[in-house]
PDB file of N, CA and C in Angstrom:
ATOM      1  N   UNK A   1      -6.169 -20.762   7.512  1.00  0.00           N
ATOM      2  CA  UNK A   1      -6.048 -19.551   8.285  1.00  0.00           C
ATOM      3  C   UNK A   1      -6.000 -19.924   9.768  1.00  0.00           C
ATOM      4  N   UNK A   2      -5.093 -19.303  10.467  1.00  0.00           N
ATOM      5  CA  UNK A   2      -4.981 -19.470  11.914  1.00  0.00           C
ATOM      6  C   UNK A   2      -5.041 -18.086  12.529  1.00  0.00           C
ATOM      7  N   UNK A   3      -5.957 -17.875  13.491  1.00  0.00           N
ATOM      8  CA  UNK A   3      -6.121 -16.543  14.071  1.00  0.00           C
ATOM      9  C   UNK A   3      -6.505 -16.637  15.543  1.00  0.00           C
ATOM     10  N   UNK A   4      -5.787 -15.907  16.365  1.00  0.00           N
ATOM     11  CA  UNK A   4      -6.130 -15.712  17.768  1.00  0.00           C
ATOM     12  C   UNK A   4      -6.220 -14.209  17.981  1.00  0.00           C
ATOM     13  N   UNK A   5      -7.250 -13.760  18.664  1.00  0.00           N
ATOM     14  CA  UNK A   5      -7.307 -12.335  18.977  1.00  0.00           C
ATOM     15  C   UNK A   5      -7.928 -12.148  20.350  1.00  0.00           C
ATOM     16  N   UNK A   6      -7.494 -11.075  20.987  1.00  0.00           N
ATOM     17  CA  UNK A   6      -7.984 -10.757  22.314  1.00  0.00           C
ATOM     18  C   UNK A   6      -8.016  -9.245  22.455  1.00  0.00           C
ATOM     19  N   UNK A   7      -9.013  -8.736  23.167  1.00  0.00           N
ATOM     20  CA  UNK A   7      -9.089  -7.299  23.366  1.00  0.00           C
ATOM     21  C   UNK A   7      -9.618  -6.981  24.745  1.00  0.00           C
ATOM     22  N   UNK A   8      -9.249  -5.814  25.227  1.00  0.00           N
ATOM     23  CA  UNK A   8      -9.728  -5.293  26.498  1.00  0.00           C
ATOM     24  C   UNK A   8     -10.465  -4.001  26.189  1.00  0.00           C
ATOM     25  N   UNK A   9     -11.733  -3.923  26.601  1.00  0.00           N
ATOM     26  CA  UNK A   9     -12.548  -2.723  26.361  1.00  0.00           C
ATOM     27  C   UNK A   9     -12.738  -1.957  27.661  1.00  0.00           C
ATOM     28  N   UNK A  10     -12.599  -0.653  27.557  1.00  0.00           N
ATOM     29  CA  UNK A  10     -12.802   0.223  28.701  1.00  0.00           C
ATOM     30  C   UNK A  10     -13.742   1.357  28.299  1.00  0.00           C
ATOM     31  N   UNK A  11     -14.764   1.628  29.111  1.00  0.00           N
ATOM     32  CA  UNK A  11     -15.651   2.751  28.789  1.00  0.00           C
ATOM     33  C   UNK A  11     -14.891   4.074  28.893  1.00  0.00           C
ATOM     34  N   UNK A  12     -15.062   4.937  27.893  1.00  0.00           N
ATOM     35  CA  UNK A  12     -14.424   6.251  27.908  1.00  0.00           C
ATOM     36  C   UNK A  12     -15.423   7.302  28.371  1.00  0.00           C
ATOM     37  N   UNK A  13     -16.438   7.577  27.548  1.00  0.00           N
ATOM     38  CA  UNK A  13     -17.505   8.487  27.916  1.00  0.00           C
ATOM     39  C   UNK A  13     -18.668   8.284  26.959  1.00  0.00           C
ATOM     40  N   UNK A  14     -19.858   8.529  27.457  1.00  0.00           N
ATOM     41  CA  UNK A  14     -21.094   8.416  26.671  1.00  0.00           C
ATOM     42  C   UNK A  14     -21.127   7.096  25.900  1.00  0.00           C
ATOM     43  N   UNK A  15     -21.124   7.148  24.578  1.00  0.00           N
ATOM     44  CA  UNK A  15     -21.270   5.952  23.734  1.00  0.00           C
ATOM     45  C   UNK A  15     -19.925   5.414  23.254  1.00  0.00           C
ATOM     46  N   UNK A  16     -18.813   5.913  23.775  1.00  0.00           N
ATOM     47  CA  UNK A  16     -17.481   5.537  23.290  1.00  0.00           C
ATOM     48  C   UNK A  16     -16.758   4.596  24.257  1.00  0.00           C
ATOM     49  N   UNK A  17     -16.152   3.547  23.696  1.00  0.00           N
ATOM     50  CA  UNK A  17     -15.291   2.630  24.445  1.00  0.00           C
ATOM     51  C   UNK A  17     -13.909   2.635  23.801  1.00  0.00           C
ATOM     52  N   UNK A  18     -12.880   2.562  24.621  1.00  0.00           N
ATOM     53  CA  UNK A  18     -11.513   2.402  24.129  1.00  0.00           C
ATOM     54  C   UNK A  18     -11.139   0.935  24.166  1.00  0.00           C
ATOM     55  N   UNK A  19     -10.239   0.523  23.283  1.00  0.00           N
ATOM     56  CA  UNK A  19      -9.866  -0.879  23.169  1.00  0.00           C
ATOM     57  C   UNK A  19      -8.358  -0.996  22.993  1.00  0.00           C
ATOM     58  N   UNK A  20      -7.777  -1.960  23.702  1.00  0.00           N
ATOM     59  CA  UNK A  20      -6.414  -2.408  23.450  1.00  0.00           C
ATOM     60  C   UNK A  20      -6.507  -3.843  22.981  1.00  0.00           C
ATOM     61  N   UNK A  21      -5.760  -4.219  21.959  1.00  0.00           N
ATOM     62  CA  UNK A  21      -5.911  -5.577  21.430  1.00  0.00           C
ATOM     63  C   UNK A  21      -4.581  -6.133  20.912  1.00  0.00           C
ATOM     64  N   UNK A  22      -4.583  -7.444  20.708  1.00  0.00           N
ATOM     65  CA  UNK A  22      -3.491  -8.119  20.013  1.00  0.00           C
ATOM     66  C   UNK A  22      -4.103  -9.223  19.153  1.00  0.00           C
ATOM     67  N   UNK A  23      -3.678  -9.286  17.911  1.00  0.00           N
ATOM     68  CA  UNK A  23      -4.082 -10.330  16.972  1.00  0.00           C
ATOM     69  C   UNK A  23      -2.842 -11.127  16.590  1.00  0.00           C
ATOM     70  N   UNK A  24      -2.962 -12.453  16.593  1.00  0.00           N
ATOM     71  CA  UNK A  24      -1.857 -13.339  16.229  1.00  0.00           C
ATOM     72  C   UNK A  24      -2.375 -14.323  15.197  1.00  0.00           C
ATOM     73  N   UNK A  25      -1.649 -14.513  14.100  1.00  0.00           N
ATOM     74  CA  UNK A  25      -2.099 -15.480  13.112  1.00  0.00           C
ATOM     75  C   UNK A  25      -1.354 -15.391  11.804  1.00  0.00           C
ATOM     76  N   UNK A  26      -1.848 -16.170  10.839  1.00  0.00           N
ATOM     77  CA  UNK A  26      -1.288 -16.189   9.496  1.00  0.00           C
ATOM     78  C   UNK A  26      -2.228 -16.966   8.587  1.00  0.00           C
ATOM     79  N   UNK A  27      -2.058 -16.787   7.304  1.00  0.00           N
ATOM     80  CA  UNK A  27      -2.781 -17.559   6.303  1.00  0.00           C
ATOM     81  C   UNK A  27      -1.733 -18.366   5.549  1.00  0.00           C
ATOM     82  N   UNK A  28      -1.874 -19.689   5.579  1.00  0.00           N
ATOM     83  CA  UNK A  28      -0.900 -20.592   4.968  1.00  0.00           C
ATOM     84  C   UNK A  28      -1.610 -21.541   4.010  1.00  0.00           C
ATOM     85  N   UNK A  29      -0.891 -22.050   3.009  1.00  0.00           N
ATOM     86  CA  UNK A  29      -1.530 -22.936   2.031  1.00  0.00           C
ATOM     87  C   UNK A  29      -1.928 -24.296   2.588  1.00  0.00           C
ATOM     88  N   UNK A  30      -1.325 -24.723   3.715  1.00  0.00           N
ATOM     89  CA  UNK A  30      -1.624 -26.036   4.263  1.00  0.00           C
ATOM     90  C   UNK A  30      -1.439 -26.024   5.774  1.00  0.00           C
ATOM     91  N   UNK A  31      -2.295 -26.758   6.473  1.00  0.00           N
ATOM     92  CA  UNK A  31      -2.172 -26.858   7.924  1.00  0.00           C
ATOM     93  C   UNK A  31      -0.893 -27.591   8.302  1.00  0.00           C
ATOM     94  N   UNK A  32      -0.466 -28.518   7.484  1.00  0.00           N
ATOM     95  CA  UNK A  32       0.718 -29.324   7.794  1.00  0.00           C
ATOM     96  C   UNK A  32       1.989 -28.499   7.908  1.00  0.00           C
ATOM     97  N   UNK A  33       2.051 -27.348   7.236  1.00  0.00           N
ATOM     98  CA  UNK A  33       3.275 -26.561   7.304  1.00  0.00           C
ATOM     99  C   UNK A  33       3.164 -25.407   8.293  1.00  0.00           C
ATOM    100  N   UNK A  34       2.116 -25.421   9.090  1.00  0.00           N
ATOM    101  CA  UNK A  34       1.901 -24.349  10.053  1.00  0.00           C
ATOM    102  C   UNK A  34       2.713 -24.594  11.320  1.00  0.00           C
ATOM    103  N   UNK A  35       3.471 -23.603  11.727  1.00  0.00           N
ATOM    104  CA  UNK A  35       4.198 -23.635  12.991  1.00  0.00           C
ATOM    105  C   UNK A  35       4.012 -22.291  13.674  1.00  0.00           C
ATOM    106  N   UNK A  36       4.081 -22.258  14.997  1.00  0.00           N
ATOM    107  CA  UNK A  36       3.919 -20.978  15.697  1.00  0.00           C
ATOM    108  C   UNK A  36       4.923 -19.915  15.254  1.00  0.00           C
ATOM    109  N   UNK A  37       6.097 -20.321  14.823  1.00  0.00           N
ATOM    110  CA  UNK A  37       7.104 -19.338  14.399  1.00  0.00           C
ATOM    111  C   UNK A  37       6.698 -18.620  13.113  1.00  0.00           C
ATOM    112  N   UNK A  38       5.750 -19.158  12.365  1.00  0.00           N
ATOM    113  CA  UNK A  38       5.304 -18.514  11.129  1.00  0.00           C
ATOM    114  C   UNK A  38       4.143 -17.559  11.357  1.00  0.00           C
ATOM    115  N   UNK A  39       3.699 -17.428  12.601  1.00  0.00           N
ATOM    116  CA  UNK A  39       2.615 -16.508  12.920  1.00  0.00           C
ATOM    117  C   UNK A  39       3.171 -15.098  13.139  1.00  0.00           C
ATOM    118  N   UNK A  40       2.342 -14.120  12.875  1.00  0.00           N
ATOM    119  CA  UNK A  40       2.701 -12.730  13.101  1.00  0.00           C
ATOM    120  C   UNK A  40       1.750 -12.146  14.136  1.00  0.00           C
ATOM    121  N   UNK A  41       2.240 -11.185  14.901  1.00  0.00           N
ATOM    122  CA  UNK A  41       1.389 -10.559  15.908  1.00  0.00           C
ATOM    123  C   UNK A  41       1.281  -9.066  15.640  1.00  0.00           C
ATOM    124  N   UNK A  42       0.107  -8.531  15.929  1.00  0.00           N
ATOM    125  CA  UNK A  42      -0.176  -7.114  15.720  1.00  0.00           C
ATOM    126  C   UNK A  42      -0.921  -6.551  16.925  1.00  0.00           C
ATOM    127  N   UNK A  43      -0.254  -5.786  17.773  1.00  0.00           N
ATOM    128  CA  UNK A  43      -0.985  -5.091  18.834  1.00  0.00           C
ATOM    129  C   UNK A  43      -1.594  -3.807  18.281  1.00  0.00           C
ATOM    130  N   UNK A  44      -2.537  -3.249  18.990  1.00  0.00           N
ATOM    131  CA  UNK A  44      -3.122  -2.001  18.516  1.00  0.00           C
ATOM    132  C   UNK A  44      -4.100  -1.398  19.492  1.00  0.00           C
ATOM    133  N   UNK A  45      -4.642  -0.280  19.065  1.00  0.00           N
ATOM    134  CA  UNK A  45      -5.636   0.452  19.836  1.00  0.00           C
ATOM    135  C   UNK A  45      -6.854   0.711  18.964  1.00  0.00           C
ATOM    136  N   UNK A  46      -8.004   0.857  19.608  1.00  0.00           N
ATOM    137  CA  UNK A  46      -9.213   1.100  18.835  1.00  0.00           C
ATOM    138  C   UNK A  46     -10.219   1.921  19.595  1.00  0.00           C
ATOM    139  N   UNK A  47     -11.245   2.306  18.879  1.00  0.00           N
ATOM    140  CA  UNK A  47     -12.356   3.070  19.429  1.00  0.00           C
ATOM    141  C   UNK A  47     -13.648   2.397  18.986  1.00  0.00           C
ATOM    142  N   UNK A  48     -14.563   2.177  19.929  1.00  0.00           N
ATOM    143  CA  UNK A  48     -15.861   1.585  19.634  1.00  0.00           C
ATOM    144  C   UNK A  48     -16.946   2.620  19.899  1.00  0.00           C
ATOM    145  N   UNK A  49     -17.958   2.632  19.035  1.00  0.00           N
ATOM    146  CA  UNK A  49     -19.126   3.480  19.225  1.00  0.00           C
ATOM    147  C   UNK A  49     -20.327   2.547  19.331  1.00  0.00           C
ATOM    148  N   UNK A  50     -20.982   2.565  20.481  1.00  0.00           N
ATOM    149  CA  UNK A  50     -22.121   1.679  20.729  1.00  0.00           C
ATOM    150  C   UNK A  50     -23.336   2.553  21.032  1.00  0.00           C
ATOM    151  N   UNK A  51     -24.344   2.391  20.210  1.00  0.00           N
ATOM    152  CA  UNK A  51     -25.573   3.181  20.401  1.00  0.00           C
ATOM    153  C   UNK A  51     -26.759   2.256  20.146  1.00  0.00           C
ATOM    154  N   UNK A  52     -27.318   1.709  21.221  1.00  0.00           N
ATOM    155  CA  UNK A  52     -28.413   0.758  21.081  1.00  0.00           C
ATOM    156  C   UNK A  52     -27.920  -0.505  20.385  1.00  0.00           C
ATOM    157  N   UNK A  53     -28.536  -0.834  19.269  1.00  0.00           N
ATOM    158  CA  UNK A  53     -28.104  -2.006  18.511  1.00  0.00           C
ATOM    159  C   UNK A  53     -27.110  -1.642  17.417  1.00  0.00           C
ATOM    160  N   UNK A  54     -26.765  -0.380  17.289  1.00  0.00           N
ATOM    161  CA  UNK A  54     -25.825   0.093  16.278  1.00  0.00           C
ATOM    162  C   UNK A  54     -24.416   0.083  16.861  1.00  0.00           C
ATOM    163  N   UNK A  55     -23.454  -0.473  16.133  1.00  0.00           N
ATOM    164  CA  UNK A  55     -22.099  -0.667  16.643  1.00  0.00           C
ATOM    165  C   UNK A  55     -21.105  -0.397  15.517  1.00  0.00           C
ATOM    166  N   UNK A  56     -20.092   0.401  15.776  1.00  0.00           N
ATOM    167  CA  UNK A  56     -19.030   0.599  14.780  1.00  0.00           C
ATOM    168  C   UNK A  56     -17.688   0.605  15.492  1.00  0.00           C
ATOM    169  N   UNK A  57     -16.645   0.385  14.718  1.00  0.00           N
ATOM    170  CA  UNK A  57     -15.305   0.295  15.296  1.00  0.00           C
ATOM    171  C   UNK A  57     -14.271   0.853  14.350  1.00  0.00           C
ATOM    172  N   UNK A  58     -13.232   1.420  14.924  1.00  0.00           N
ATOM    173  CA  UNK A  58     -12.058   1.860  14.180  1.00  0.00           C
ATOM    174  C   UNK A  58     -10.845   1.377  14.976  1.00  0.00           C
ATOM    175  N   UNK A  59      -9.955   0.625  14.328  1.00  0.00           N
ATOM    176  CA  UNK A  59      -8.768   0.065  14.975  1.00  0.00           C
ATOM    177  C   UNK A  59      -7.527   0.429  14.189  1.00  0.00           C
ATOM    178  N   UNK A  60      -6.422   0.574  14.896  1.00  0.00           N
ATOM    179  CA  UNK A  60      -5.120   0.751  14.241  1.00  0.00           C
ATOM    180  C   UNK A  60      -4.175  -0.291  14.810  1.00  0.00           C
ATOM    181  N   UNK A  61      -3.713  -1.195  13.958  1.00  0.00           N
ATOM    182  CA  UNK A  61      -2.770  -2.241  14.353  1.00  0.00           C
ATOM    183  C   UNK A  61      -1.365  -1.873  13.916  1.00  0.00           C
ATOM    184  N   UNK A  62      -0.389  -2.182  14.761  1.00  0.00           N
ATOM    185  CA  UNK A  62       1.012  -1.831  14.517  1.00  0.00           C
ATOM    186  C   UNK A  62       1.795  -3.083  14.132  1.00  0.00           C
ATOM    187  N   UNK A  63       2.607  -2.980  13.081  1.00  0.00           N
ATOM    188  CA  UNK A  63       3.463  -4.087  12.657  1.00  0.00           C
ATOM    189  C   UNK A  63       4.773  -4.005  13.414  1.00  0.00           C
ATOM    190  N   UNK A  64       4.991  -4.925  14.346  1.00  0.00           N
ATOM    191  CA  UNK A  64       6.207  -4.907  15.153  1.00  0.00           C
ATOM    192  C   UNK A  64       7.416  -5.424  14.385  1.00  0.00           C
ATOM    193  N   UNK A  65       7.213  -6.384  13.508  1.00  0.00           N
ATOM    194  CA  UNK A  65       8.318  -7.011  12.779  1.00  0.00           C
ATOM    195  C   UNK A  65       8.209  -6.721  11.275  1.00  0.00           C
ATOM    196  N   UNK A  66       7.986  -5.475  10.945  1.00  0.00           N
ATOM    197  CA  UNK A  66       7.754  -5.119   9.544  1.00  0.00           C
ATOM    198  C   UNK A  66       9.020  -5.274   8.711  1.00  0.00           C
ATOM    199  N   UNK A  67       8.799  -5.564   7.453  1.00  0.00           N
ATOM    200  CA  UNK A  67       9.897  -5.720   6.495  1.00  0.00           C
ATOM    201  C   UNK A  67      10.179  -4.374   5.831  1.00  0.00           C
ATOM    202  N   UNK A  68      11.299  -4.281   5.173  1.00  0.00           N
ATOM    203  CA  UNK A  68      11.679  -3.058   4.479  1.00  0.00           C
ATOM    204  C   UNK A  68      10.599  -2.683   3.466  1.00  0.00           C
ATOM    205  N   UNK A  69      10.169  -1.436   3.524  1.00  0.00           N
ATOM    206  CA  UNK A  69       9.165  -0.953   2.592  1.00  0.00           C
ATOM    207  C   UNK A  69       7.734  -1.114   3.051  1.00  0.00           C
ATOM    208  N   UNK A  70       7.489  -1.874   4.116  1.00  0.00           N
ATOM    209  CA  UNK A  70       6.129  -2.048   4.620  1.00  0.00           C
ATOM    210  C   UNK A  70       5.707  -0.839   5.450  1.00  0.00           C
ATOM    211  N   UNK A  71       4.416  -0.606   5.488  1.00  0.00           N
ATOM    212  CA  UNK A  71       3.889   0.486   6.307  1.00  0.00           C
ATOM    213  C   UNK A  71       4.056   0.154   7.786  1.00  0.00           C
ATOM    214  N   UNK A  72       3.964   1.168   8.605  1.00  0.00           N
ATOM    215  CA  UNK A  72       4.112   1.005  10.055  1.00  0.00           C
ATOM    216  C   UNK A  72       2.933   0.264  10.676  1.00  0.00           C
ATOM    217  N   UNK A  73       1.756   0.395  10.061  1.00  0.00           N
ATOM    218  CA  UNK A  73       0.563  -0.253  10.581  1.00  0.00           C
ATOM    219  C   UNK A  73      -0.580  -0.125   9.599  1.00  0.00           C
ATOM    220  N   UNK A  74      -1.777  -0.441  10.085  1.00  0.00           N
ATOM    221  CA  UNK A  74      -2.948  -0.383   9.212  1.00  0.00           C
ATOM    222  C   UNK A  74      -4.176   0.026  10.012  1.00  0.00           C
ATOM    223  N   UNK A  75      -5.058   0.787   9.373  1.00  0.00           N
ATOM    224  CA  UNK A  75      -6.311   1.234   9.956  1.00  0.00           C
ATOM    225  C   UNK A  75      -7.429   0.324   9.451  1.00  0.00           C
ATOM    226  N   UNK A  76      -8.316  -0.065  10.357  1.00  0.00           N
ATOM    227  CA  UNK A  76      -9.436  -0.938  10.016  1.00  0.00           C
ATOM    228  C   UNK A  76     -10.708  -0.300  10.550  1.00  0.00           C
ATOM    229  N   UNK A  77     -11.749  -0.283   9.734  1.00  0.00           N
ATOM    230  CA  UNK A  77     -13.042   0.279  10.124  1.00  0.00           C
ATOM    231  C   UNK A  77     -14.140  -0.704   9.771  1.00  0.00           C
ATOM    232  N   UNK A  78     -15.110  -0.868  10.663  1.00  0.00           N
ATOM    233  CA  UNK A  78     -16.245  -1.735  10.331  1.00  0.00           C
ATOM    234  C   UNK A  78     -17.486  -1.269  11.081  1.00  0.00           C
ATOM    235  N   UNK A  79     -18.630  -1.705  10.577  1.00  0.00           N
ATOM    236  CA  UNK A  79     -19.913  -1.456  11.210  1.00  0.00           C
ATOM    237  C   UNK A  79     -20.518  -2.810  11.528  1.00  0.00           C
ATOM    238  N   UNK A  80     -20.907  -3.017  12.774  1.00  0.00           N
ATOM    239  CA  UNK A  80     -21.458  -4.292  13.207  1.00  0.00           C
ATOM    240  C   UNK A  80     -20.499  -5.019  14.108  1.00  0.00           C
ATOM    241  N   UNK A  81     -21.034  -5.865  14.963  1.00  0.00           N
ATOM    242  CA  UNK A  81     -20.242  -6.641  15.927  1.00  0.00           C
ATOM    243  C   UNK A  81     -19.635  -7.846  15.246  1.00  0.00           C
ATOM    244  N   UNK A  82     -18.359  -8.109  15.528  1.00  0.00           N
ATOM    245  CA  UNK A  82     -17.710  -9.326  15.027  1.00  0.00           C
ATOM    246  C   UNK A  82     -18.301 -10.527  15.771  1.00  0.00           C
ATOM    247  N   UNK A  83     -18.590 -11.609  15.052  1.00  0.00           N
ATOM    248  CA  UNK A  83     -19.141 -12.789  15.692  1.00  0.00           C
ATOM    249  C   UNK A  83     -18.223 -13.964  15.576  1.00  0.00           C
TER     250      UNK A  83
END
């Protein structure tokens, strides 16, 4: 697995933060056959809820180079900070 991700967080109001992000990567059977051209990128937007030590997130990533029949993007939800 190869993964690079970056995000920019901006406070919106109260316990809510807005996020812009881009994830780049792929899962391949071997490192030897990995090339940057085989990676895919997904930009997106998200919302973070931070309340003390409690943290949750909802993100929507957009597929820029989607194939025929693929969805336009995907929604991701989690509770807890990514480490």
